[in-house]
Amino acid sequence: IKDVGFNTVVFDVKPLSGELAYPS
């Protein structure tokens, strides 16, 4: 992502299912 030239990442931590990307 950095090499291509993006400067911002949006990470989906809570999708429609309501489940979470991380241990909560």
PDB file of all heavy atoms in Angstrom:
ATOM      1  N   ILE A   1       0.837  -1.205   0.000  1.00  0.00           N
ATOM      2  CA  ILE A   1       0.000   0.000   0.000  1.00  0.00           C
ATOM      3  C   ILE A   1       0.871   1.254   0.000  1.00  0.00           C
ATOM      4  O   ILE A   1       0.617   2.204  -0.752  1.00  0.00           O
ATOM      5  CB  ILE A   1      -0.950  -0.018   1.218  1.00  0.00           C
ATOM      6  CG1 ILE A   1      -1.997  -1.125   1.057  1.00  0.00           C
ATOM      7  CG2 ILE A   1      -1.633   1.335   1.400  1.00  0.00           C
ATOM      8  CD1 ILE A   1      -2.848  -1.357   2.285  1.00  0.00           C
ATOM      9  N   LYS A   2       1.919   1.243   0.818  1.00  0.00           N
ATOM     10  CA  LYS A   2       2.836   2.381   0.874  1.00  0.00           C
ATOM     11  C   LYS A   2       3.598   2.525  -0.435  1.00  0.00           C
ATOM     12  O   LYS A   2       3.757   3.646  -0.965  1.00  0.00           O
ATOM     13  CB  LYS A   2       3.812   2.184   2.030  1.00  0.00           C
ATOM     14  CG  LYS A   2       4.898   3.252   2.129  1.00  0.00           C
ATOM     15  CD  LYS A   2       4.320   4.606   2.500  1.00  0.00           C
ATOM     16  CE  LYS A   2       5.423   5.609   2.730  1.00  0.00           C
ATOM     17  NZ  LYS A   2       4.884   6.936   3.152  1.00  0.00           N
ATOM     18  N   ASP A   3       4.052   1.410  -0.993  1.00  0.00           N
ATOM     19  CA  ASP A   3       4.846   1.437  -2.213  1.00  0.00           C
ATOM     20  C   ASP A   3       4.046   1.965  -3.395  1.00  0.00           C
ATOM     21  O   ASP A   3       4.573   2.692  -4.247  1.00  0.00           O
ATOM     22  CB  ASP A   3       5.373   0.033  -2.513  1.00  0.00           C
ATOM     23  CG  ASP A   3       6.299   0.007  -3.717  1.00  0.00           C
ATOM     24  OD1 ASP A   3       7.327   0.711  -3.697  1.00  0.00           O
ATOM     25  OD2 ASP A   3       5.989  -0.710  -4.689  1.00  0.00           O
ATOM     26  N   VAL A   4       2.761   1.623  -3.458  1.00  0.00           N
ATOM     27  CA  VAL A   4       1.911   2.075  -4.559  1.00  0.00           C
ATOM     28  C   VAL A   4       1.693   3.584  -4.493  1.00  0.00           C
ATOM     29  O   VAL A   4       1.599   4.260  -5.517  1.00  0.00           O
ATOM     30  CB  VAL A   4       0.562   1.332  -4.539  1.00  0.00           C
ATOM     31  CG1 VAL A   4      -0.437   1.957  -5.503  1.00  0.00           C
ATOM     32  CG2 VAL A   4       0.772  -0.137  -4.900  1.00  0.00           C
ATOM     33  N   GLY A   5       1.600   4.132  -3.283  1.00  0.00           N
ATOM     34  CA  GLY A   5       1.427   5.576  -3.159  1.00  0.00           C
ATOM     35  C   GLY A   5       0.221   6.016  -2.365  1.00  0.00           C
ATOM     36  O   GLY A   5      -0.072   7.211  -2.290  1.00  0.00           O
ATOM     37  N   PHE A   6      -0.492   5.078  -1.745  1.00  0.00           N
ATOM     38  CA  PHE A   6      -1.591   5.473  -0.872  1.00  0.00           C
ATOM     39  C   PHE A   6      -1.019   6.098   0.405  1.00  0.00           C
ATOM     40  O   PHE A   6       0.101   5.788   0.805  1.00  0.00           O
ATOM     41  CB  PHE A   6      -2.456   4.265  -0.504  1.00  0.00           C
ATOM     42  CG  PHE A   6      -3.284   3.734  -1.650  1.00  0.00           C
ATOM     43  CD1 PHE A   6      -2.851   2.640  -2.389  1.00  0.00           C
ATOM     44  CD2 PHE A   6      -4.482   4.329  -1.987  1.00  0.00           C
ATOM     45  CE1 PHE A   6      -3.601   2.151  -3.447  1.00  0.00           C
ATOM     46  CE2 PHE A   6      -5.240   3.844  -3.051  1.00  0.00           C
ATOM     47  CZ  PHE A   6      -4.802   2.750  -3.777  1.00  0.00           C
ATOM     48  N   ASN A   7      -1.795   6.967   1.020  1.00  0.00           N
ATOM     49  CA  ASN A   7      -1.346   7.546   2.289  1.00  0.00           C
ATOM     50  C   ASN A   7      -2.321   7.304   3.435  1.00  0.00           C
ATOM     51  O   ASN A   7      -2.049   7.675   4.575  1.00  0.00           O
ATOM     52  CB  ASN A   7      -1.066   9.042   2.150  1.00  0.00           C
ATOM     53  CG  ASN A   7      -2.280   9.839   1.668  1.00  0.00           C
ATOM     54  OD1 ASN A   7      -3.426   9.427   1.869  1.00  0.00           O
ATOM     55  ND2 ASN A   7      -2.026  10.961   1.024  1.00  0.00           N
ATOM     56  N   THR A   8      -3.467   6.691   3.143  1.00  0.00           N
ATOM     57  CA  THR A   8      -4.483   6.443   4.165  1.00  0.00           C
ATOM     58  C   THR A   8      -5.098   5.060   3.963  1.00  0.00           C
ATOM     59  O   THR A   8      -5.422   4.684   2.830  1.00  0.00           O
ATOM     60  CB  THR A   8      -5.598   7.500   4.117  1.00  0.00           C
ATOM     61  OG1 THR A   8      -5.021   8.793   4.264  1.00  0.00           O
ATOM     62  CG2 THR A   8      -6.624   7.276   5.211  1.00  0.00           C
ATOM     63  N   VAL A   9      -5.257   4.331   5.046  1.00  0.00           N
ATOM     64  CA  VAL A   9      -5.912   3.022   5.024  1.00  0.00           C
ATOM     65  C   VAL A   9      -7.152   3.089   5.901  1.00  0.00           C
ATOM     66  O   VAL A   9      -7.086   3.556   7.049  1.00  0.00           O
ATOM     67  CB  VAL A   9      -4.979   1.908   5.534  1.00  0.00           C
ATOM     68  CG1 VAL A   9      -5.724   0.581   5.656  1.00  0.00           C
ATOM     69  CG2 VAL A   9      -3.777   1.752   4.607  1.00  0.00           C
ATOM     70  N   VAL A  10      -8.281   2.661   5.358  1.00  0.00           N
ATOM     71  CA  VAL A  10      -9.507   2.526   6.142  1.00  0.00           C
ATOM     72  C   VAL A  10      -9.740   1.041   6.361  1.00  0.00           C
ATOM     73  O   VAL A  10      -9.935   0.286   5.408  1.00  0.00           O
ATOM     74  CB  VAL A  10     -10.711   3.158   5.426  1.00  0.00           C
ATOM     75  CG1 VAL A  10     -11.972   2.974   6.269  1.00  0.00           C
ATOM     76  CG2 VAL A  10     -10.472   4.633   5.158  1.00  0.00           C
ATOM     77  N   PHE A  11      -9.698   0.602   7.612  1.00  0.00           N
ATOM     78  CA  PHE A  11      -9.861  -0.809   7.940  1.00  0.00           C
ATOM     79  C   PHE A  11     -11.226  -1.020   8.587  1.00  0.00           C
ATOM     80  O   PHE A  11     -11.587  -0.374   9.565  1.00  0.00           O
ATOM     81  CB  PHE A  11      -8.747  -1.264   8.881  1.00  0.00           C
ATOM     82  CG  PHE A  11      -8.837  -2.721   9.263  1.00  0.00           C
ATOM     83  CD1 PHE A  11      -9.140  -3.696   8.321  1.00  0.00           C
ATOM     84  CD2 PHE A  11      -8.624  -3.118  10.574  1.00  0.00           C
ATOM     85  CE1 PHE A  11      -9.218  -5.035   8.672  1.00  0.00           C
ATOM     86  CE2 PHE A  11      -8.703  -4.446  10.943  1.00  0.00           C
ATOM     87  CZ  PHE A  11      -9.001  -5.410   9.985  1.00  0.00           C
ATOM     88  N   ASP A  12     -11.966  -1.945   8.027  1.00  0.00           N
ATOM     89  CA  ASP A  12     -13.330  -2.246   8.462  1.00  0.00           C
ATOM     90  C   ASP A  12     -13.272  -3.118   9.717  1.00  0.00           C
ATOM     91  O   ASP A  12     -13.104  -4.333   9.624  1.00  0.00           O
ATOM     92  CB  ASP A  12     -14.055  -2.976   7.317  1.00  0.00           C
ATOM     93  CG  ASP A  12     -15.484  -3.323   7.642  1.00  0.00           C
ATOM     94  OD1 ASP A  12     -16.062  -2.688   8.540  1.00  0.00           O
ATOM     95  OD2 ASP A  12     -16.041  -4.216   6.968  1.00  0.00           O
ATOM     96  N   VAL A  13     -13.425  -2.513  10.888  1.00  0.00           N
ATOM     97  CA  VAL A  13     -13.304  -3.265  12.143  1.00  0.00           C
ATOM     98  C   VAL A  13     -14.650  -3.807  12.625  1.00  0.00           C
ATOM     99  O   VAL A  13     -14.684  -4.658  13.519  1.00  0.00           O
ATOM    100  CB  VAL A  13     -12.671  -2.402  13.253  1.00  0.00           C
ATOM    101  CG1 VAL A  13     -11.289  -1.923  12.843  1.00  0.00           C
ATOM    102  CG2 VAL A  13     -13.561  -1.223  13.614  1.00  0.00           C
ATOM    103  N   LYS A  14     -15.756  -3.329  12.028  1.00  0.00           N
ATOM    104  CA  LYS A  14     -17.080  -3.792  12.462  1.00  0.00           C
ATOM    105  C   LYS A  14     -18.002  -3.825  11.246  1.00  0.00           C
ATOM    106  O   LYS A  14     -18.662  -2.847  10.921  1.00  0.00           O
ATOM    107  CB  LYS A  14     -17.647  -2.867  13.541  1.00  0.00           C
ATOM    108  CG  LYS A  14     -18.982  -3.314  14.139  1.00  0.00           C
ATOM    109  CD  LYS A  14     -19.369  -2.382  15.290  1.00  0.00           C
ATOM    110  CE  LYS A  14     -20.708  -2.763  15.885  1.00  0.00           C
ATOM    111  NZ  LYS A  14     -21.840  -2.479  14.963  1.00  0.00           N
ATOM    112  N   PRO A  15     -18.063  -4.954  10.549  1.00  0.00           N
ATOM    113  CA  PRO A  15     -18.902  -5.057   9.350  1.00  0.00           C
ATOM    114  C   PRO A  15     -20.380  -5.204   9.696  1.00  0.00           C
ATOM    115  O   PRO A  15     -20.778  -5.103  10.866  1.00  0.00           O
ATOM    116  CB  PRO A  15     -18.352  -6.308   8.664  1.00  0.00           C
ATOM    117  CG  PRO A  15     -17.827  -7.138   9.787  1.00  0.00           C
ATOM    118  CD  PRO A  15     -17.313  -6.171  10.822  1.00  0.00           C
ATOM    119  N   LEU A  16     -21.195  -5.454   8.668  1.00  0.00           N
ATOM    120  CA  LEU A  16     -22.643  -5.551   8.871  1.00  0.00           C
ATOM    121  C   LEU A  16     -23.021  -6.628   9.882  1.00  0.00           C
ATOM    122  O   LEU A  16     -24.018  -6.493  10.591  1.00  0.00           O
ATOM    123  CB  LEU A  16     -23.341  -5.850   7.542  1.00  0.00           C
ATOM    124  CG  LEU A  16     -23.349  -4.767   6.465  1.00  0.00           C
ATOM    125  CD1 LEU A  16     -24.170  -5.222   5.268  1.00  0.00           C
ATOM    126  CD2 LEU A  16     -23.892  -3.459   7.000  1.00  0.00           C
ATOM    127  N   SER A  17     -22.249  -7.692   9.952  1.00  0.00           N
ATOM    128  CA  SER A  17     -22.586  -8.794  10.852  1.00  0.00           C
ATOM    129  C   SER A  17     -22.511  -8.393  12.322  1.00  0.00           C
ATOM    130  O   SER A  17     -23.005  -9.119  13.192  1.00  0.00           O
ATOM    131  CB  SER A  17     -21.651  -9.979  10.600  1.00  0.00           C
ATOM    132  OG  SER A  17     -20.323  -9.656  10.964  1.00  0.00           O
ATOM    133  N   GLY A  18     -21.872  -7.245  12.618  1.00  0.00           N
ATOM    134  CA  GLY A  18     -21.714  -6.826  14.010  1.00  0.00           C
ATOM    135  C   GLY A  18     -20.541  -7.493  14.694  1.00  0.00           C
ATOM    136  O   GLY A  18     -20.190  -7.139  15.824  1.00  0.00           O
ATOM    137  N   GLU A  19     -19.912  -8.467  14.025  1.00  0.00           N
ATOM    138  CA  GLU A  19     -18.715  -9.098  14.573  1.00  0.00           C
ATOM    139  C   GLU A  19     -17.543  -8.125  14.458  1.00  0.00           C
ATOM    140  O   GLU A  19     -17.552  -7.235  13.619  1.00  0.00           O
ATOM    141  CB  GLU A  19     -18.421 -10.398  13.832  1.00  0.00           C
ATOM    142  CG  GLU A  19     -19.538 -11.423  13.955  1.00  0.00           C
ATOM    143  CD  GLU A  19     -19.352 -12.590  13.018  1.00  0.00           C
ATOM    144  OE1 GLU A  19     -19.297 -12.361  11.796  1.00  0.00           O
ATOM    145  OE2 GLU A  19     -19.254 -13.729  13.505  1.00  0.00           O
ATOM    146  N   LEU A  20     -16.531  -8.325  15.281  1.00  0.00           N
ATOM    147  CA  LEU A  20     -15.424  -7.381  15.354  1.00  0.00           C
ATOM    148  C   LEU A  20     -14.143  -7.993  14.809  1.00  0.00           C
ATOM    149  O   LEU A  20     -13.942  -9.213  14.861  1.00  0.00           O
ATOM    150  CB  LEU A  20     -15.222  -6.935  16.798  1.00  0.00           C
ATOM    151  CG  LEU A  20     -16.454  -6.275  17.439  1.00  0.00           C
ATOM    152  CD1 LEU A  20     -16.242  -6.066  18.921  1.00  0.00           C
ATOM    153  CD2 LEU A  20     -16.775  -4.962  16.748  1.00  0.00           C
ATOM    154  N   ALA A  21     -13.269  -7.132  14.300  1.00  0.00           N
ATOM    155  CA  ALA A  21     -12.018  -7.597  13.712  1.00  0.00           C
ATOM    156  C   ALA A  21     -11.003  -7.986  14.768  1.00  0.00           C
ATOM    157  O   ALA A  21     -10.035  -8.684  14.462  1.00  0.00           O
ATOM    158  CB  ALA A  21     -11.441  -6.510  12.796  1.00  0.00           C
ATOM    159  N   TYR A  22     -11.199  -7.561  15.989  1.00  0.00           N
ATOM    160  CA  TYR A  22     -10.205  -7.746  17.043  1.00  0.00           C
ATOM    161  C   TYR A  22     -10.856  -8.426  18.253  1.00  0.00           C
ATOM    162  O   TYR A  22     -12.086  -8.381  18.421  1.00  0.00           O
ATOM    163  CB  TYR A  22      -9.635  -6.383  17.462  1.00  0.00           C
ATOM    164  CG  TYR A  22     -10.690  -5.474  18.063  1.00  0.00           C
ATOM    165  CD1 TYR A  22     -10.895  -5.435  19.443  1.00  0.00           C
ATOM    166  CD2 TYR A  22     -11.509  -4.691  17.257  1.00  0.00           C
ATOM    167  CE1 TYR A  22     -11.881  -4.632  19.995  1.00  0.00           C
ATOM    168  CE2 TYR A  22     -12.494  -3.887  17.804  1.00  0.00           C
ATOM    169  CZ  TYR A  22     -12.674  -3.861  19.171  1.00  0.00           C
ATOM    170  OH  TYR A  22     -13.669  -3.082  19.707  1.00  0.00           O
ATOM    171  N   PRO A  23     -10.078  -9.042  19.132  1.00  0.00           N
ATOM    172  CA  PRO A  23     -10.650  -9.618  20.360  1.00  0.00           C
ATOM    173  C   PRO A  23     -11.168  -8.506  21.268  1.00  0.00           C
ATOM    174  O   PRO A  23     -10.425  -7.621  21.659  1.00  0.00           O
ATOM    175  CB  PRO A  23      -9.461 -10.348  20.990  1.00  0.00           C
ATOM    176  CG  PRO A  23      -8.467 -10.530  19.884  1.00  0.00           C
ATOM    177  CD  PRO A  23      -8.649  -9.349  18.983  1.00  0.00           C
ATOM    178  N   SER A  24     -12.440  -8.555  21.600  1.00  0.00           N
ATOM    179  CA  SER A  24     -13.079  -7.491  22.366  1.00  0.00           C
ATOM    180  C   SER A  24     -13.631  -8.027  23.682  1.00  0.00           C
ATOM    181  O   SER A  24     -14.013  -9.195  23.794  1.00  0.00           O
ATOM    182  CB  SER A  24     -14.216  -6.867  21.541  1.00  0.00           C
ATOM    183  OG  SER A  24     -15.008  -5.999  22.324  1.00  0.00           O
TER     184      SER A  24
END
